[in-house]
Amino acid sequence: MNAFNQKISEIGVVPVIKLNHPERDAAPLAKALCAGDVPVAEVTFRAAGADKAISIMKETCPEMIVGAGTVTRTEQIDAVIAAGGEFIVTPGFDPELVAYAQEKGIPIFPGCTTATDYHAALKFGLELIKFFPAELSGGLRKIKALAAPFPQFKVMPTGGINLQNLGEYLASPIIAACGGSYMVTAELIDSNQWDEITALCQLSRAIVQKARG
């Protein structure tokens, strides 16, 4: 993997975040993630103001790797870049978005769950792809099956990942990192449980280290 993808892989978990109040919550959340040794975030466009949240998180913790998820339009890619975001995640494989992100020079991790998706990703020269929704799409068994004809890819499964199955996924050499929202649920964020978020991140990092020996 290239150096950027390797950084994400070394952390091993990518919090997938929906922020309803970025002005209020983005800064303390960034601090909580970094305190838990998880200095990376995928801020989704499922809520308005994702670009604002990205900007605040980068200003608060410049060492963080912050990108955007649920990106479905080229205008959102422009907004992410303007906010200082460092990567794009899309729910599915959209060749227009992949081409646009590559033109703009920002890494993109499209959602791929079929051999057809993998073929498309291969044509664009991608090396790290998202697998979403992971558990509902066949989970680790399907990821391993697809790796047989497509050994070129490392995979970032997202959807249904939690503390119980995180280690199983990460023990596979196919998996670069796992995306998850269990450590950044709406309940935890809205009730300002920053210490609990930090604790869940620390637990996740311990699982990463154990799974990878």
Protein backbone atom coordinates (compact mmCIF):
# COMPACT_ATOMS: atom_id res chain seq x y z
CA MET A 1 0.00 0.00 0.00
CA ASN A 2 1.05 3.59 -0.47
CA ALA A 3 2.19 5.62 2.54
CA PHE A 4 -1.20 7.26 3.16
CA ASN A 5 -3.14 4.00 3.10
CA GLN A 6 -0.48 2.43 5.31
CA LYS A 7 -1.05 5.10 7.97
CA ILE A 8 -4.74 4.23 8.12
CA SER A 9 -3.91 0.53 8.21
CA GLU A 10 -1.55 1.02 11.13
CA ILE A 11 -4.32 2.62 13.18
CA GLY A 12 -6.60 -0.28 12.20
CA VAL A 13 -9.97 1.30 12.99
CA VAL A 14 -11.72 4.24 11.35
CA PRO A 15 -14.56 5.87 13.33
CA VAL A 16 -17.52 6.59 11.06
CA ILE A 17 -19.11 9.73 12.41
CA LYS A 18 -22.41 11.53 11.93
CA LEU A 19 -22.31 14.94 13.59
CA ASN A 20 -25.59 16.77 14.00
CA HIS A 21 -23.92 19.74 15.74
CA PRO A 22 -20.42 20.13 14.30
CA GLU A 23 -19.79 23.54 15.85
CA ARG A 24 -20.43 22.11 19.31
CA ASP A 25 -19.11 18.57 19.05
CA ALA A 26 -16.35 18.35 16.42
CA ALA A 27 -13.54 19.74 18.58
CA PRO A 28 -14.13 17.67 21.74
CA LEU A 29 -14.71 14.57 19.61
CA ALA A 30 -11.39 15.04 17.82
CA LYS A 31 -9.64 15.33 21.18
CA ALA A 32 -11.41 12.21 22.49
CA LEU A 33 -10.38 10.14 19.46
CA CYS A 34 -6.77 11.24 19.66
CA ALA A 35 -6.70 10.57 23.40
CA GLY A 36 -7.85 7.03 22.58
CA ASP A 37 -4.99 6.58 20.08
CA VAL A 38 -7.37 6.61 17.09
CA PRO A 39 -6.32 9.78 15.22
CA VAL A 40 -8.53 9.21 12.19
CA ALA A 41 -12.14 10.00 11.34
CA GLU A 42 -14.60 9.51 8.51
CA VAL A 43 -17.19 12.28 8.85
CA THR A 44 -20.27 11.37 6.86
CA PHE A 45 -22.45 13.62 4.75
CA ARG A 46 -25.51 11.92 6.27
CA ALA A 47 -25.73 15.11 8.33
CA ALA A 48 -25.34 18.66 7.11
CA GLY A 49 -22.10 20.45 7.84
CA ALA A 50 -19.72 17.53 7.37
CA ASP A 51 -17.21 19.83 5.69
CA LYS A 52 -17.42 22.22 8.64
CA ALA A 53 -16.82 19.34 11.05
CA ILE A 54 -13.77 18.24 9.05
CA SER A 55 -12.32 21.74 9.18
CA ILE A 56 -12.84 22.01 12.94
CA MET A 57 -11.35 18.59 13.64
CA LYS A 58 -8.25 19.35 11.58
CA GLU A 59 -7.82 22.71 13.29
CA THR A 60 -8.22 21.11 16.72
CA CYS A 61 -5.97 18.11 16.10
CA PRO A 62 -3.77 18.75 13.05
CA GLU A 63 -2.17 15.33 13.41
CA MET A 64 -5.48 13.61 12.68
CA ILE A 65 -6.32 12.00 9.35
CA VAL A 66 -9.81 13.33 8.61
CA GLY A 67 -11.92 12.52 5.59
CA ALA A 68 -15.53 12.32 4.47
CA GLY A 69 -17.97 9.47 4.07
CA THR A 70 -21.30 9.00 2.30
CA VAL A 71 -20.00 11.17 -0.52
CA THR A 72 -22.39 10.99 -3.48
CA ARG A 73 -21.70 14.19 -5.48
CA THR A 74 -18.67 15.87 -6.98
CA GLU A 75 -19.56 19.11 -5.18
CA GLN A 76 -19.07 17.31 -1.89
CA ILE A 77 -15.56 16.29 -2.94
CA ASP A 78 -14.80 19.96 -3.62
CA ALA A 79 -16.17 20.91 -0.19
CA VAL A 80 -14.06 18.24 1.54
CA ILE A 81 -10.89 19.43 -0.18
CA ALA A 82 -11.66 23.04 0.72
CA ALA A 83 -12.14 22.00 4.36
CA GLY A 84 -8.77 20.26 4.48
CA GLY A 85 -10.17 16.74 4.26
CA GLU A 86 -7.74 14.03 3.24
CA PHE A 87 -9.83 11.20 1.83
CA ILE A 88 -13.21 10.35 0.33
CA VAL A 89 -15.41 7.33 1.04
CA THR A 90 -18.42 6.49 -1.14
CA PRO A 91 -21.21 3.99 -0.30
CA GLY A 92 -20.94 2.29 -3.69
CA PHE A 93 -18.74 2.33 -6.76
CA ASP A 94 -19.41 5.46 -8.82
CA PRO A 95 -16.88 5.81 -11.66
CA GLU A 96 -17.60 9.52 -12.04
CA LEU A 97 -16.73 10.19 -8.40
CA VAL A 98 -13.63 7.99 -8.50
CA ALA A 99 -12.36 9.74 -11.63
CA TYR A 100 -13.11 13.17 -10.15
CA ALA A 101 -11.33 12.41 -6.88
CA GLN A 102 -8.31 11.09 -8.74
CA GLU A 103 -8.30 14.20 -10.93
CA LYS A 104 -8.31 16.32 -7.76
CA GLY A 105 -5.57 14.24 -6.17
CA ILE A 106 -7.50 13.07 -3.10
CA PRO A 107 -7.60 9.38 -2.10
CA ILE A 108 -10.97 7.70 -2.57
CA PHE A 109 -12.22 4.43 -1.08
CA PRO A 110 -15.39 3.37 -2.91
CA GLY A 111 -17.83 0.80 -1.62
CA CYS A 112 -17.28 -2.53 -3.37
CA THR A 113 -19.14 -5.75 -2.52
CA THR A 114 -19.28 -7.67 -5.82
CA ALA A 115 -16.85 -9.02 -8.39
CA THR A 116 -18.17 -6.37 -10.78
CA ASP A 117 -17.26 -3.63 -8.31
CA TYR A 118 -13.81 -5.12 -7.86
CA HIS A 119 -13.30 -5.21 -11.64
CA ALA A 120 -14.19 -1.51 -11.83
CA ALA A 121 -11.84 -0.63 -8.97
CA LEU A 122 -9.05 -2.53 -10.67
CA LYS A 123 -9.44 -0.45 -13.83
CA PHE A 124 -8.98 2.73 -11.78
CA GLY A 125 -5.80 1.43 -10.16
CA LEU A 126 -7.19 1.45 -6.64
CA GLU A 127 -5.51 -0.59 -3.93
CA LEU A 128 -7.74 0.02 -0.89
CA ILE A 129 -11.51 -0.33 -1.16
CA LYS A 130 -14.43 -0.13 1.23
CA PHE A 131 -16.68 -3.17 1.73
CA PHE A 132 -20.13 -1.91 2.73
CA PRO A 133 -22.38 -2.99 4.32
CA ALA A 134 -19.91 -5.61 5.48
CA GLU A 135 -21.90 -8.01 7.63
CA LEU A 136 -25.04 -7.84 5.49
CA SER A 137 -22.99 -8.42 2.33
CA GLY A 138 -21.38 -11.66 3.45
CA GLY A 139 -18.76 -10.41 5.89
CA LEU A 140 -15.27 -11.81 6.11
CA ARG A 141 -16.17 -15.02 4.26
CA LYS A 142 -17.17 -13.07 1.16
CA ILE A 143 -14.18 -10.74 1.43
CA LYS A 144 -11.88 -13.78 1.46
CA ALA A 145 -13.72 -15.31 -1.49
CA LEU A 146 -13.35 -12.14 -3.55
CA ALA A 147 -9.67 -11.90 -2.63
CA ALA A 148 -8.97 -15.11 -4.56
CA PRO A 149 -9.46 -13.55 -8.02
CA PHE A 150 -8.55 -10.05 -6.80
CA PRO A 151 -5.46 -10.34 -4.57
CA GLN A 152 -4.45 -6.78 -5.50
CA PHE A 153 -6.81 -5.20 -2.97
CA LYS A 154 -6.71 -4.46 0.71
CA VAL A 155 -10.19 -4.02 2.15
CA MET A 156 -11.81 -1.71 4.72
CA PRO A 157 -15.05 -3.35 5.84
CA THR A 158 -17.70 -1.09 7.35
CA GLY A 159 -21.19 -1.92 8.59
CA GLY A 160 -21.87 -4.27 11.46
CA ILE A 161 -18.34 -4.02 12.85
CA ASN A 162 -18.11 -3.96 16.66
CA LEU A 163 -15.84 -4.93 19.53
CA GLN A 164 -16.99 -8.54 19.27
CA ASN A 165 -15.98 -9.17 15.64
CA LEU A 166 -13.27 -6.54 15.13
CA GLY A 167 -10.45 -8.91 16.02
CA GLU A 168 -11.66 -11.61 13.62
CA TYR A 169 -11.66 -9.18 10.73
CA LEU A 170 -8.28 -7.66 11.56
CA ALA A 171 -6.62 -11.04 11.90
CA SER A 172 -7.03 -11.47 8.14
CA PRO A 173 -4.14 -10.05 6.06
CA ILE A 174 -6.70 -8.86 3.51
CA ILE A 175 -8.10 -6.30 5.95
CA ALA A 176 -6.35 -2.93 6.07
CA ALA A 177 -8.63 -1.40 8.68
CA CYS A 178 -12.24 -1.60 9.86
CA GLY A 179 -14.72 1.25 9.82
CA GLY A 180 -17.22 1.46 12.63
CA SER A 181 -19.57 3.73 14.51
CA TYR A 182 -19.80 1.77 17.77
CA MET A 183 -17.29 4.08 19.46
CA VAL A 184 -18.96 7.27 18.17
CA THR A 185 -22.69 6.56 18.42
CA ALA A 186 -25.18 9.43 18.38
CA GLU A 187 -25.99 8.70 22.02
CA LEU A 188 -22.36 9.02 23.09
CA ILE A 189 -21.81 12.22 21.12
CA ASP A 190 -25.08 13.94 21.99
CA SER A 191 -24.57 13.24 25.71
CA ASN A 192 -20.94 14.43 25.55
CA GLN A 193 -19.51 11.14 26.77
CA TRP A 194 -16.02 11.97 25.54
CA ASP A 195 -14.27 9.80 28.14
CA GLU A 196 -16.35 6.79 27.07
CA ILE A 197 -15.46 7.41 23.43
CA THR A 198 -11.79 7.53 24.40
CA ALA A 199 -12.16 4.27 26.36
CA LEU A 200 -13.84 2.51 23.43
CA CYS A 201 -11.05 3.71 21.13
CA GLN A 202 -8.45 2.35 23.53
CA LEU A 203 -10.24 -1.00 23.63
CA SER A 204 -10.33 -1.03 19.83
CA ARG A 205 -6.62 -0.31 19.57
CA ALA A 206 -5.88 -3.12 22.00
CA ILE A 207 -7.85 -5.48 19.75
CA VAL A 208 -5.93 -4.22 16.71
CA GLN A 209 -2.60 -4.91 18.37
CA LYS A 210 -3.66 -8.35 19.59
CA ALA A 211 -5.06 -9.37 16.20
CA ARG A 212 -1.88 -8.34 14.41
CA GLY A 213 0.49 -9.84 16.92
